Amino acid sequence: MLELLGYIFLYLIIGVVLLPFYMIAARLEVTKYGKKNLAVAIIFWPIVNTFLFVIALVGGWIELKNHL
């Protein structure tokens, strides 16, 4: 159970650390290419975050199974 929480915590740290970079990238997308790319950035980021979260959950579950 502790490993699962550890993976979720790791995911949250990754999300918080990458968020400023995402905001900078979104700002550059808007200024450089116009408004339509902001929608791409807003759609793309949650997909990446969800993917990281699934990896964290699966990794935590595998670790939990190995210890039981």
N, C-alpha and C. Protein backbone atom coordinates (compact mmCIF):
# COMPACT_ATOMS: atom_id res chain seq x y z
N MET A 1 0.83 -1.20 0.00
CA MET A 1 0.00 0.00 0.00
C MET A 1 0.87 1.26 0.00
N LEU A 2 1.97 1.18 0.75
CA LEU A 2 2.87 2.33 0.83
C LEU A 2 3.50 2.64 -0.53
N GLU A 3 3.84 1.58 -1.28
CA GLU A 3 4.44 1.78 -2.59
C GLU A 3 3.45 2.46 -3.54
N LEU A 4 2.18 2.04 -3.46
CA LEU A 4 1.14 2.64 -4.30
C LEU A 4 1.03 4.14 -4.01
N LEU A 5 1.01 4.48 -2.72
CA LEU A 5 0.95 5.89 -2.34
C LEU A 5 2.20 6.63 -2.80
N GLY A 6 3.34 5.95 -2.72
CA GLY A 6 4.59 6.55 -3.18
C GLY A 6 4.57 6.87 -4.65
N TYR A 7 4.03 5.96 -5.45
CA TYR A 7 3.94 6.21 -6.89
C TYR A 7 2.98 7.35 -7.19
N ILE A 8 1.86 7.40 -6.47
CA ILE A 8 0.90 8.49 -6.69
C ILE A 8 1.54 9.82 -6.30
N PHE A 9 2.28 9.83 -5.18
CA PHE A 9 2.97 11.04 -4.74
C PHE A 9 4.01 11.48 -5.77
N LEU A 10 4.75 10.51 -6.32
CA LEU A 10 5.74 10.80 -7.36
C LEU A 10 5.07 11.42 -8.57
N TYR A 11 3.93 10.88 -8.97
CA TYR A 11 3.18 11.43 -10.09
C TYR A 11 2.79 12.88 -9.82
N LEU A 12 2.30 13.15 -8.61
CA LEU A 12 1.88 14.51 -8.26
C LEU A 12 3.06 15.47 -8.31
N ILE A 13 4.23 15.02 -7.82
CA ILE A 13 5.43 15.86 -7.86
C ILE A 13 5.80 16.17 -9.32
N ILE A 14 5.76 15.13 -10.17
CA ILE A 14 6.08 15.33 -11.58
C ILE A 14 5.12 16.34 -12.21
N GLY A 15 3.82 16.17 -11.89
CA GLY A 15 2.82 17.09 -12.43
C GLY A 15 3.07 18.53 -12.00
N VAL A 16 3.39 18.73 -10.71
CA VAL A 16 3.61 20.09 -10.18
C VAL A 16 4.89 20.69 -10.77
N VAL A 17 5.94 19.86 -10.92
CA VAL A 17 7.20 20.36 -11.46
C VAL A 17 7.06 20.73 -12.94
N LEU A 18 6.31 19.93 -13.69
CA LEU A 18 6.18 20.18 -15.12
C LEU A 18 5.17 21.27 -15.46
N LEU A 19 4.29 21.61 -14.51
CA LEU A 19 3.23 22.58 -14.80
C LEU A 19 3.76 23.94 -15.27
N PRO A 20 4.77 24.54 -14.61
CA PRO A 20 5.28 25.83 -15.12
C PRO A 20 5.82 25.74 -16.53
N PHE A 21 6.49 24.64 -16.86
CA PHE A 21 7.02 24.46 -18.21
C PHE A 21 5.88 24.37 -19.21
N TYR A 22 4.80 23.71 -18.80
CA TYR A 22 3.63 23.61 -19.66
C TYR A 22 3.02 24.99 -19.89
N MET A 23 2.94 25.79 -18.83
CA MET A 23 2.35 27.12 -18.95
C MET A 23 3.20 27.99 -19.89
N ILE A 24 4.53 27.89 -19.76
CA ILE A 24 5.43 28.64 -20.65
C ILE A 24 5.24 28.19 -22.09
N ALA A 25 5.16 26.85 -22.28
CA ALA A 25 4.97 26.32 -23.63
C ALA A 25 3.63 26.77 -24.21
N ALA A 26 2.58 26.77 -23.39
CA ALA A 26 1.27 27.21 -23.85
C ALA A 26 1.33 28.69 -24.25
N ARG A 27 2.02 29.50 -23.45
CA ARG A 27 2.16 30.93 -23.77
C ARG A 27 2.89 31.13 -25.09
N LEU A 28 3.96 30.37 -25.30
CA LEU A 28 4.71 30.47 -26.56
C LEU A 28 3.86 30.02 -27.73
N GLU A 29 3.07 28.96 -27.53
CA GLU A 29 2.19 28.48 -28.60
C GLU A 29 1.22 29.58 -29.03
N VAL A 30 0.66 30.28 -28.03
CA VAL A 30 -0.32 31.32 -28.35
C VAL A 30 0.33 32.48 -29.08
N THR A 31 1.48 32.95 -28.56
CA THR A 31 2.10 34.13 -29.16
C THR A 31 2.69 33.81 -30.53
N LYS A 32 3.16 32.57 -30.70
CA LYS A 32 3.87 32.23 -31.93
C LYS A 32 2.91 31.82 -33.05
N TYR A 33 1.92 31.01 -32.70
CA TYR A 33 1.10 30.42 -33.75
C TYR A 33 -0.37 30.83 -33.71
N GLY A 34 -0.77 31.58 -32.69
CA GLY A 34 -2.17 31.97 -32.61
C GLY A 34 -2.94 31.12 -31.63
N LYS A 35 -4.24 31.39 -31.52
CA LYS A 35 -5.06 30.80 -30.46
C LYS A 35 -5.33 29.31 -30.65
N LYS A 36 -5.36 28.82 -31.88
CA LYS A 36 -5.77 27.42 -32.09
C LYS A 36 -4.82 26.43 -31.42
N ASN A 37 -3.55 26.78 -31.27
CA ASN A 37 -2.60 25.85 -30.66
C ASN A 37 -2.74 25.78 -29.14
N LEU A 38 -3.38 26.79 -28.54
CA LEU A 38 -3.64 26.74 -27.11
C LEU A 38 -4.57 25.58 -26.80
N ALA A 39 -5.56 25.37 -27.66
CA ALA A 39 -6.48 24.24 -27.47
C ALA A 39 -5.72 22.92 -27.54
N VAL A 40 -4.78 22.81 -28.46
CA VAL A 40 -3.97 21.60 -28.58
C VAL A 40 -3.17 21.38 -27.29
N ALA A 41 -2.58 22.45 -26.77
CA ALA A 41 -1.79 22.34 -25.54
C ALA A 41 -2.68 21.96 -24.35
N ILE A 42 -3.87 22.54 -24.27
CA ILE A 42 -4.78 22.25 -23.16
C ILE A 42 -5.29 20.82 -23.24
N ILE A 43 -5.49 20.32 -24.45
CA ILE A 43 -5.94 18.93 -24.60
C ILE A 43 -4.79 17.96 -24.37
N PHE A 44 -3.60 18.32 -24.83
CA PHE A 44 -2.44 17.43 -24.76
C PHE A 44 -1.97 17.20 -23.33
N TRP A 45 -1.93 18.24 -22.52
CA TRP A 45 -1.38 18.13 -21.16
C TRP A 45 -2.14 17.15 -20.28
N PRO A 46 -3.48 17.21 -20.20
CA PRO A 46 -4.18 16.24 -19.36
C PRO A 46 -3.98 14.80 -19.83
N ILE A 47 -3.81 14.60 -21.13
CA ILE A 47 -3.56 13.25 -21.65
C ILE A 47 -2.22 12.74 -21.12
N VAL A 48 -1.20 13.59 -21.15
CA VAL A 48 0.12 13.22 -20.64
C VAL A 48 0.04 12.93 -19.14
N ASN A 49 -0.66 13.81 -18.41
CA ASN A 49 -0.78 13.63 -16.97
C ASN A 49 -1.53 12.34 -16.62
N THR A 50 -2.60 12.06 -17.37
CA THR A 50 -3.37 10.83 -17.15
C THR A 50 -2.49 9.61 -17.42
N PHE A 51 -1.68 9.68 -18.47
CA PHE A 51 -0.78 8.58 -18.81
C PHE A 51 0.22 8.35 -17.67
N LEU A 52 0.79 9.42 -17.13
CA LEU A 52 1.71 9.29 -15.99
C LEU A 52 1.01 8.69 -14.78
N PHE A 53 -0.24 9.10 -14.55
CA PHE A 53 -1.00 8.60 -13.41
C PHE A 53 -1.27 7.11 -13.55
N VAL A 54 -1.61 6.67 -14.76
CA VAL A 54 -1.86 5.24 -15.01
C VAL A 54 -0.58 4.44 -14.78
N ILE A 55 0.55 4.96 -15.27
CA ILE A 55 1.84 4.29 -15.05
C ILE A 55 2.13 4.18 -13.55
N ALA A 56 1.86 5.26 -12.81
CA ALA A 56 2.10 5.26 -11.37
C ALA A 56 1.22 4.22 -10.68
N LEU A 57 -0.05 4.15 -11.06
CA LEU A 57 -0.97 3.19 -10.44
C LEU A 57 -0.57 1.75 -10.77
N VAL A 58 -0.25 1.48 -12.03
CA VAL A 58 0.14 0.13 -12.43
C VAL A 58 1.44 -0.28 -11.74
N GLY A 59 2.41 0.63 -11.71
CA GLY A 59 3.68 0.35 -11.03
C GLY A 59 3.48 0.09 -9.55
N GLY A 60 2.65 0.90 -8.92
CA GLY A 60 2.36 0.71 -7.50
C GLY A 60 1.66 -0.61 -7.24
N TRP A 61 0.72 -0.97 -8.12
CA TRP A 61 -0.01 -2.23 -7.97
C TRP A 61 0.93 -3.43 -8.11
N ILE A 62 1.84 -3.37 -9.09
CA ILE A 62 2.81 -4.46 -9.30
C ILE A 62 3.71 -4.59 -8.08
N GLU A 63 4.20 -3.46 -7.56
CA GLU A 63 5.04 -3.49 -6.37
C GLU A 63 4.28 -4.09 -5.19
N LEU A 64 3.02 -3.71 -5.05
CA LEU A 64 2.20 -4.21 -3.96
C LEU A 64 2.02 -5.72 -4.08
N LYS A 65 1.78 -6.20 -5.28
CA LYS A 65 1.60 -7.64 -5.51
C LYS A 65 2.90 -8.41 -5.22
N ASN A 66 4.03 -7.82 -5.56
CA ASN A 66 5.32 -8.48 -5.33
C ASN A 66 5.63 -8.62 -3.84
N HIS A 67 5.14 -7.69 -3.03
CA HIS A 67 5.43 -7.73 -1.60
C HIS A 67 4.47 -8.61 -0.81
N LEU A 68 3.32 -8.93 -1.40
CA LEU A 68 2.33 -9.74 -0.66
C LEU A 68 2.53 -11.23 -0.89
